[in-house]
Amino acid sequence: MHAVGLKILKNRLAEYVRLAAQGETVLITDRERVVAELVPPRPGRGALAADAQLAEAVRRGWLTPPLLASPEPPPSLPVAPLRELLGELAADRAER
């Protein structure tokens, strides 16, 4: 475990991020008081930021993963025929 002050961390951030990536915990201090920790990723955390954000959204209940994964995207079905959509748009504009 390492401890580093904010000023030194700012100047040598890449070095401390590398330490955390290698499994070390880095305590970040401000005037000798611990204010944060830089820790390695949790086991099972995706290597990509997008994977980590999706996993966090599922964990918080914002997203629900599909029950059956399919390599094919879902079929895209039109919401309504184009003529109908344009008619509604024209009607909305006429009401203004």
N, C-alpha and C. Protein backbone atom coordinates (compact mmCIF):
# COMPACT_ATOMS: atom_id res chain seq x y z
N MET A 1 0.85 -1.18 0.00
CA MET A 1 0.00 0.00 0.00
C MET A 1 0.89 1.23 0.00
N HIS A 2 0.52 2.18 -0.82
CA HIS A 2 1.27 3.43 -0.93
C HIS A 2 0.38 4.59 -0.49
N ALA A 3 1.00 5.66 -0.02
CA ALA A 3 0.28 6.89 0.30
C ALA A 3 0.96 8.02 -0.47
N VAL A 4 0.15 8.92 -1.02
CA VAL A 4 0.71 10.01 -1.80
C VAL A 4 -0.14 11.26 -1.60
N GLY A 5 0.52 12.40 -1.53
CA GLY A 5 -0.18 13.66 -1.41
C GLY A 5 -0.75 14.11 -2.74
N LEU A 6 -1.73 14.98 -2.69
CA LEU A 6 -2.41 15.45 -3.91
C LEU A 6 -1.44 16.09 -4.90
N LYS A 7 -0.53 16.92 -4.42
CA LYS A 7 0.39 17.63 -5.31
C LYS A 7 1.28 16.65 -6.06
N ILE A 8 1.82 15.66 -5.36
CA ILE A 8 2.68 14.66 -6.00
C ILE A 8 1.86 13.79 -6.93
N LEU A 9 0.65 13.41 -6.51
CA LEU A 9 -0.22 12.60 -7.36
C LEU A 9 -0.51 13.31 -8.67
N LYS A 10 -0.77 14.60 -8.59
CA LYS A 10 -1.07 15.38 -9.80
C LYS A 10 0.10 15.32 -10.78
N ASN A 11 1.30 15.40 -10.28
CA ASN A 11 2.48 15.42 -11.14
C ASN A 11 2.90 14.04 -11.64
N ARG A 12 2.52 12.98 -10.91
CA ARG A 12 2.96 11.63 -11.27
C ARG A 12 1.77 10.66 -11.34
N LEU A 13 0.64 11.12 -11.85
CA LEU A 13 -0.59 10.33 -11.87
C LEU A 13 -0.41 8.99 -12.60
N ALA A 14 0.21 9.01 -13.76
CA ALA A 14 0.36 7.77 -14.54
C ALA A 14 1.09 6.69 -13.74
N GLU A 15 2.09 7.08 -12.98
CA GLU A 15 2.85 6.12 -12.17
C GLU A 15 1.94 5.45 -11.13
N TYR A 16 1.11 6.23 -10.47
CA TYR A 16 0.24 5.67 -9.43
C TYR A 16 -0.92 4.87 -10.02
N VAL A 17 -1.38 5.26 -11.19
CA VAL A 17 -2.41 4.47 -11.87
C VAL A 17 -1.83 3.11 -12.26
N ARG A 18 -0.58 3.09 -12.71
CA ARG A 18 0.07 1.82 -13.04
C ARG A 18 0.17 0.93 -11.80
N LEU A 19 0.51 1.52 -10.65
CA LEU A 19 0.57 0.73 -9.42
C LEU A 19 -0.79 0.11 -9.09
N ALA A 20 -1.84 0.90 -9.24
CA ALA A 20 -3.19 0.37 -8.96
C ALA A 20 -3.54 -0.73 -9.95
N ALA A 21 -3.16 -0.56 -11.21
CA ALA A 21 -3.45 -1.58 -12.22
C ALA A 21 -2.71 -2.88 -11.90
N GLN A 22 -1.59 -2.79 -11.20
CA GLN A 22 -0.82 -3.98 -10.82
C GLN A 22 -1.31 -4.60 -9.52
N GLY A 23 -2.36 -4.02 -8.93
CA GLY A 23 -2.94 -4.62 -7.72
C GLY A 23 -2.68 -3.86 -6.44
N GLU A 24 -1.95 -2.78 -6.50
CA GLU A 24 -1.66 -1.99 -5.29
C GLU A 24 -2.81 -1.04 -4.96
N THR A 25 -2.98 -0.74 -3.70
CA THR A 25 -3.91 0.30 -3.27
C THR A 25 -3.09 1.54 -2.94
N VAL A 26 -3.52 2.69 -3.45
CA VAL A 26 -2.82 3.94 -3.22
C VAL A 26 -3.75 4.86 -2.43
N LEU A 27 -3.30 5.24 -1.25
CA LEU A 27 -4.06 6.19 -0.42
C LEU A 27 -3.69 7.60 -0.86
N ILE A 28 -4.68 8.43 -1.08
CA ILE A 28 -4.45 9.81 -1.50
C ILE A 28 -4.71 10.70 -0.31
N THR A 29 -3.73 11.53 0.00
CA THR A 29 -3.84 12.36 1.20
C THR A 29 -3.85 13.84 0.85
N ASP A 30 -4.46 14.60 1.74
CA ASP A 30 -4.46 16.05 1.66
C ASP A 30 -4.14 16.55 3.06
N ARG A 31 -2.97 17.13 3.22
CA ARG A 31 -2.50 17.59 4.54
C ARG A 31 -2.51 16.45 5.56
N GLU A 32 -1.93 15.33 5.15
CA GLU A 32 -1.77 14.13 5.99
C GLU A 32 -3.09 13.44 6.36
N ARG A 33 -4.19 13.82 5.72
CA ARG A 33 -5.47 13.19 5.97
C ARG A 33 -5.88 12.43 4.71
N VAL A 34 -6.24 11.15 4.85
CA VAL A 34 -6.63 10.34 3.70
C VAL A 34 -7.98 10.84 3.19
N VAL A 35 -8.01 11.20 1.90
CA VAL A 35 -9.24 11.73 1.30
C VAL A 35 -9.82 10.81 0.23
N ALA A 36 -9.00 9.87 -0.28
CA ALA A 36 -9.49 8.96 -1.32
C ALA A 36 -8.55 7.77 -1.41
N GLU A 37 -9.02 6.75 -2.14
CA GLU A 37 -8.20 5.58 -2.42
C GLU A 37 -8.24 5.29 -3.91
N LEU A 38 -7.11 4.94 -4.47
CA LEU A 38 -7.02 4.48 -5.84
C LEU A 38 -6.78 2.98 -5.74
N VAL A 39 -7.76 2.21 -6.17
CA VAL A 39 -7.70 0.76 -5.98
C VAL A 39 -7.75 0.05 -7.33
N PRO A 40 -7.26 -1.19 -7.38
CA PRO A 40 -7.35 -1.95 -8.63
C PRO A 40 -8.81 -2.29 -8.94
N PRO A 41 -9.12 -2.57 -10.20
CA PRO A 41 -10.49 -2.93 -10.55
C PRO A 41 -10.92 -4.20 -9.81
N ARG A 42 -12.20 -4.27 -9.50
CA ARG A 42 -12.73 -5.46 -8.83
C ARG A 42 -12.69 -6.65 -9.78
N PRO A 43 -12.60 -7.86 -9.24
CA PRO A 43 -12.65 -9.04 -10.11
C PRO A 43 -13.97 -9.08 -10.87
N GLY A 44 -13.91 -9.47 -12.11
CA GLY A 44 -15.11 -9.54 -12.94
C GLY A 44 -15.42 -8.24 -13.64
N ARG A 45 -14.71 -7.17 -13.31
CA ARG A 45 -14.93 -5.88 -13.96
C ARG A 45 -14.40 -5.97 -15.38
N GLY A 46 -15.17 -5.49 -16.34
CA GLY A 46 -14.75 -5.53 -17.73
C GLY A 46 -13.52 -4.68 -17.95
N ALA A 47 -12.71 -5.07 -18.91
CA ALA A 47 -11.48 -4.32 -19.20
C ALA A 47 -11.78 -2.99 -19.89
N LEU A 48 -12.89 -2.91 -20.61
CA LEU A 48 -13.24 -1.68 -21.31
C LEU A 48 -14.15 -0.82 -20.46
N ALA A 49 -14.03 0.49 -20.59
CA ALA A 49 -14.86 1.41 -19.81
C ALA A 49 -16.34 1.21 -20.11
N ALA A 50 -16.68 0.97 -21.38
CA ALA A 50 -18.08 0.78 -21.74
C ALA A 50 -18.65 -0.46 -21.05
N ASP A 51 -17.86 -1.54 -20.96
CA ASP A 51 -18.31 -2.74 -20.27
C ASP A 51 -18.55 -2.45 -18.79
N ALA A 52 -17.64 -1.69 -18.20
CA ALA A 52 -17.77 -1.37 -16.78
C ALA A 52 -19.01 -0.51 -16.53
N GLN A 53 -19.27 0.44 -17.42
CA GLN A 53 -20.44 1.30 -17.25
C GLN A 53 -21.73 0.51 -17.41
N LEU A 54 -21.76 -0.42 -18.37
CA LEU A 54 -22.94 -1.26 -18.53
C LEU A 54 -23.15 -2.15 -17.31
N ALA A 55 -22.07 -2.74 -16.81
CA ALA A 55 -22.18 -3.59 -15.63
C ALA A 55 -22.69 -2.80 -14.43
N GLU A 56 -22.23 -1.58 -14.28
CA GLU A 56 -22.69 -0.73 -13.17
C GLU A 56 -24.17 -0.39 -13.33
N ALA A 57 -24.61 -0.11 -14.57
CA ALA A 57 -26.02 0.20 -14.82
C ALA A 57 -26.90 -1.00 -14.50
N VAL A 58 -26.45 -2.20 -14.82
CA VAL A 58 -27.21 -3.40 -14.49
C VAL A 58 -27.26 -3.59 -12.99
N ARG A 59 -26.11 -3.38 -12.32
CA ARG A 59 -26.04 -3.56 -10.86
C ARG A 59 -26.99 -2.60 -10.14
N ARG A 60 -27.10 -1.39 -10.65
CA ARG A 60 -27.98 -0.40 -10.01
C ARG A 60 -29.44 -0.56 -10.41
N GLY A 61 -29.71 -1.44 -11.36
CA GLY A 61 -31.08 -1.68 -11.78
C GLY A 61 -31.57 -0.75 -12.86
N TRP A 62 -30.67 0.03 -13.45
CA TRP A 62 -31.07 0.94 -14.53
C TRP A 62 -31.34 0.19 -15.81
N LEU A 63 -30.65 -0.93 -16.01
CA LEU A 63 -30.80 -1.76 -17.20
C LEU A 63 -31.08 -3.19 -16.78
N THR A 64 -31.79 -3.91 -17.61
CA THR A 64 -32.02 -5.33 -17.39
C THR A 64 -31.40 -6.08 -18.56
N PRO A 65 -30.50 -7.02 -18.27
CA PRO A 65 -29.88 -7.74 -19.38
C PRO A 65 -30.90 -8.65 -20.06
N PRO A 66 -30.69 -8.98 -21.34
CA PRO A 66 -31.63 -9.85 -22.04
C PRO A 66 -31.59 -11.25 -21.45
N LEU A 67 -32.73 -11.94 -21.52
CA LEU A 67 -32.78 -13.31 -21.01
C LEU A 67 -32.02 -14.26 -21.92
N LEU A 68 -32.17 -14.07 -23.21
CA LEU A 68 -31.46 -14.90 -24.18
C LEU A 68 -30.61 -13.99 -25.07
N ALA A 69 -29.32 -14.23 -25.05
CA ALA A 69 -28.44 -13.41 -25.89
C ALA A 69 -28.45 -13.95 -27.31
N SER A 70 -28.50 -13.06 -28.26
CA SER A 70 -28.51 -13.44 -29.66
C SER A 70 -27.45 -12.62 -30.39
N PRO A 71 -26.70 -13.24 -31.29
CA PRO A 71 -25.70 -12.45 -32.02
C PRO A 71 -26.33 -11.51 -33.03
N GLU A 72 -27.58 -11.75 -33.39
CA GLU A 72 -28.28 -10.91 -34.37
C GLU A 72 -29.00 -9.77 -33.66
N PRO A 73 -28.98 -8.57 -34.23
CA PRO A 73 -29.76 -7.47 -33.63
C PRO A 73 -31.25 -7.75 -33.79
N PRO A 74 -32.08 -7.18 -32.94
CA PRO A 74 -33.51 -7.39 -33.08
C PRO A 74 -34.01 -6.80 -34.40
N PRO A 75 -35.07 -7.35 -34.93
CA PRO A 75 -35.56 -6.81 -36.21
C PRO A 75 -36.06 -5.39 -36.03
N SER A 76 -35.81 -4.56 -37.02
CA SER A 76 -36.28 -3.18 -36.95
C SER A 76 -37.60 -3.11 -37.71
N LEU A 77 -38.63 -2.82 -36.99
CA LEU A 77 -39.96 -2.70 -37.57
C LEU A 77 -40.35 -1.23 -37.56
N PRO A 78 -40.95 -0.74 -38.61
CA PRO A 78 -41.35 0.67 -38.61
C PRO A 78 -42.44 0.92 -37.57
N VAL A 79 -42.36 2.07 -36.93
CA VAL A 79 -43.36 2.44 -35.94
C VAL A 79 -44.70 2.71 -36.63
N ALA A 80 -44.63 3.39 -37.74
CA ALA A 80 -45.82 3.71 -38.53
C ALA A 80 -45.36 4.00 -39.95
N PRO A 81 -46.25 3.89 -40.91
CA PRO A 81 -45.86 4.23 -42.28
C PRO A 81 -45.47 5.71 -42.37
N LEU A 82 -44.56 6.01 -43.28
CA LEU A 82 -44.05 7.36 -43.42
C LEU A 82 -45.16 8.35 -43.72
N ARG A 83 -46.12 7.99 -44.56
CA ARG A 83 -47.22 8.91 -44.88
C ARG A 83 -48.00 9.29 -43.63
N GLU A 84 -48.23 8.31 -42.76
CA GLU A 84 -48.97 8.58 -41.52
C GLU A 84 -48.18 9.53 -40.62
N LEU A 85 -46.87 9.29 -40.49
CA LEU A 85 -46.04 10.17 -39.67
C LEU A 85 -46.01 11.59 -40.22
N LEU A 86 -45.86 11.72 -41.52
CA LEU A 86 -45.84 13.05 -42.13
C LEU A 86 -47.19 13.74 -41.98
N GLY A 87 -48.28 12.98 -42.07
CA GLY A 87 -49.61 13.55 -41.87
C GLY A 87 -49.79 14.08 -40.46
N GLU A 88 -49.32 13.32 -39.46
CA GLU A 88 -49.41 13.78 -38.07
C GLU A 88 -48.56 15.02 -37.85
N LEU A 89 -47.38 15.04 -38.45
CA LEU A 89 -46.51 16.20 -38.32
C LEU A 89 -47.16 17.44 -38.92
N ALA A 90 -47.77 17.30 -40.09
CA ALA A 90 -48.45 18.42 -40.74
C ALA A 90 -49.63 18.90 -39.90
N ALA A 91 -50.37 17.96 -39.31
CA ALA A 91 -51.50 18.32 -38.47
C ALA A 91 -51.05 19.08 -37.24
N ASP A 92 -49.96 18.61 -36.62
CA ASP A 92 -49.42 19.31 -35.43
C ASP A 92 -48.99 20.73 -35.78
N ARG A 93 -48.35 20.88 -36.93
CA ARG A 93 -47.89 22.21 -37.33
C ARG A 93 -49.07 23.13 -37.64
N ALA A 94 -50.13 22.57 -38.20
CA ALA A 94 -51.30 23.37 -38.54
C ALA A 94 -52.02 23.89 -37.28
N GLU A 95 -51.94 23.12 -36.20
CA GLU A 95 -52.61 23.52 -34.94
C GLU A 95 -51.91 24.70 -34.28
N ARG A 96 -50.67 24.92 -34.59
CA ARG A 96 -49.92 26.01 -33.94
C ARG A 96 -50.28 27.29 -34.51
